Amino acid sequence: MHELSIAMSLLDVAEEEAERRGGVRVEALYLKLGPLSGVVKEALLSAFELACEQTQFATSRLIIEEVPIVVFCQKCQAERNVHSVQEFCCVECDTPASDVLHGRELLLSALELAE
């Protein structure tokens, strides 16, 4: 389960930042997660809880923002969503798309810290 190693890496980053700021408490970690990242949201949330047990992060929350798949449609010459992961076509014109702009994210975007 690679979600556990991802959760542990997120906590490592949070710990480094908390220490850099003088040992502040990490209230929440904000993560952007795309469906093409290869990470299952529910598995990551579960792994995060497991990784936090009996640590300084026991009360920290992982807040996940799901990022939709956005492609550049050659026919529309615009950024567009796709129908689904299984149907990778522009929602406006149904043209198959290959130029992915968003949806691969696995990004720690913010930390909520408290003294």
Protein backbone atom coordinates (compact mmCIF):
# COMPACT_ATOMS: atom_id res chain seq x y z
CA MET A 1 0.00 0.00 0.00
CA HIS A 2 1.95 3.01 -1.24
CA GLU A 3 -0.55 5.38 0.39
CA LEU A 4 1.13 4.69 3.76
CA SER A 5 4.53 5.79 2.45
CA ILE A 6 2.89 8.89 0.96
CA ALA A 7 1.22 9.69 4.29
CA MET A 8 4.52 9.27 6.10
CA SER A 9 6.26 11.54 3.59
CA LEU A 10 3.58 14.20 4.11
CA LEU A 11 4.17 14.01 7.84
CA ASP A 12 7.93 14.30 7.34
CA VAL A 13 7.43 17.53 5.39
CA ALA A 14 5.00 18.85 8.01
CA GLU A 15 7.42 17.98 10.82
CA GLU A 16 10.30 19.76 9.08
CA GLU A 17 8.21 22.90 8.61
CA ALA A 18 6.88 22.83 12.17
CA GLU A 19 10.44 22.55 13.52
CA ARG A 20 11.65 25.29 11.18
CA ARG A 21 8.99 27.58 12.66
CA GLY A 22 9.98 26.88 16.24
CA GLY A 23 8.03 23.73 17.08
CA VAL A 24 4.54 24.92 16.24
CA ARG A 25 1.65 22.42 16.13
CA VAL A 26 0.32 21.19 12.78
CA GLU A 27 -3.47 21.44 12.82
CA ALA A 28 -4.09 20.38 9.23
CA LEU A 29 -2.37 19.39 6.02
CA TYR A 30 -4.02 20.47 2.76
CA LEU A 31 -3.47 18.23 -0.22
CA LYS A 32 -4.49 18.57 -3.87
CA LEU A 33 -5.19 15.15 -5.35
CA GLY A 34 -5.98 14.33 -8.97
CA PRO A 35 -7.61 11.14 -10.21
CA LEU A 36 -4.57 10.40 -12.41
CA SER A 37 -2.14 10.54 -9.47
CA GLY A 38 -2.47 6.83 -8.81
CA VAL A 39 -3.50 7.48 -5.20
CA VAL A 40 -6.82 6.31 -3.74
CA LYS A 41 -8.26 9.06 -1.55
CA GLU A 42 -9.90 6.76 0.99
CA ALA A 43 -6.76 4.63 1.31
CA LEU A 44 -4.65 7.75 1.83
CA LEU A 45 -6.99 9.06 4.54
CA SER A 46 -6.85 5.70 6.30
CA ALA A 47 -3.07 5.51 5.97
CA PHE A 48 -2.76 9.06 7.30
CA GLU A 49 -4.71 8.13 10.43
CA LEU A 50 -2.47 5.11 10.93
CA ALA A 51 0.72 7.11 10.40
CA CYS A 52 -0.40 9.77 12.90
CA GLU A 53 -1.20 7.38 15.76
CA GLN A 54 0.84 8.05 18.90
CA THR A 55 2.78 10.90 17.26
CA GLN A 56 2.70 14.67 17.57
CA PHE A 57 0.27 14.58 14.62
CA ALA A 58 -2.38 12.48 16.39
CA THR A 59 -4.89 15.36 16.24
CA SER A 60 -3.85 16.69 12.82
CA ARG A 61 -6.29 16.51 9.92
CA LEU A 62 -5.64 15.69 6.28
CA ILE A 63 -7.89 17.80 4.07
CA ILE A 64 -7.97 16.62 0.47
CA GLU A 65 -9.11 18.80 -2.41
CA GLU A 66 -9.98 16.63 -5.38
CA VAL A 67 -8.69 18.18 -8.60
CA PRO A 68 -10.68 17.39 -11.76
CA ILE A 69 -9.06 16.24 -14.97
CA VAL A 70 -8.59 19.20 -17.30
CA VAL A 71 -7.19 18.85 -20.81
CA PHE A 72 -6.39 21.20 -23.64
CA CYS A 73 -8.81 20.39 -26.45
CA GLN A 74 -7.21 20.83 -29.85
CA LYS A 75 -10.56 21.26 -31.59
CA CYS A 76 -12.00 23.82 -29.14
CA GLN A 77 -8.58 25.43 -28.57
CA ALA A 78 -9.50 25.70 -24.89
CA GLU A 79 -9.07 24.06 -21.50
CA ARG A 80 -11.86 21.55 -20.96
CA ASN A 81 -12.91 18.84 -18.52
CA VAL A 82 -13.22 15.28 -19.74
CA HIS A 83 -16.24 13.02 -19.41
CA SER A 84 -14.41 10.63 -17.06
CA VAL A 85 -11.14 8.79 -16.55
CA GLN A 86 -12.53 6.04 -18.77
CA GLU A 87 -13.83 8.43 -21.45
CA PHE A 88 -10.99 10.86 -22.09
CA CYS A 89 -12.88 13.17 -24.44
CA CYS A 90 -13.70 16.87 -24.31
CA VAL A 91 -17.06 17.46 -22.62
CA GLU A 92 -17.95 20.13 -25.19
CA CYS A 93 -17.10 18.52 -28.54
CA ASP A 94 -16.32 14.85 -27.68
CA THR A 95 -12.87 15.05 -29.29
CA PRO A 96 -10.39 12.60 -27.73
CA ALA A 97 -7.85 14.47 -25.64
CA SER A 98 -4.23 13.76 -24.79
CA ASP A 99 -2.82 17.05 -23.48
CA VAL A 100 -3.51 16.77 -19.73
CA LEU A 101 -3.22 20.07 -17.82
CA HIS A 102 -4.64 19.02 -14.43
CA GLY A 103 -5.54 15.76 -12.76
CA ARG A 104 -2.14 14.29 -11.94
CA GLU A 105 -1.69 16.37 -8.78
CA LEU A 106 -0.37 14.98 -5.53
CA LEU A 107 0.57 18.27 -3.95
CA LEU A 108 0.84 19.38 -0.36
CA SER A 109 -0.54 22.87 -0.92
CA ALA A 110 -0.69 24.25 2.64
CA LEU A 111 -0.20 23.59 6.31
CA GLU A 112 -2.41 24.99 9.04
CA LEU A 113 -0.15 25.75 12.00
CA ALA A 114 -0.90 26.82 15.58
CA GLU A 115 1.40 27.89 18.38
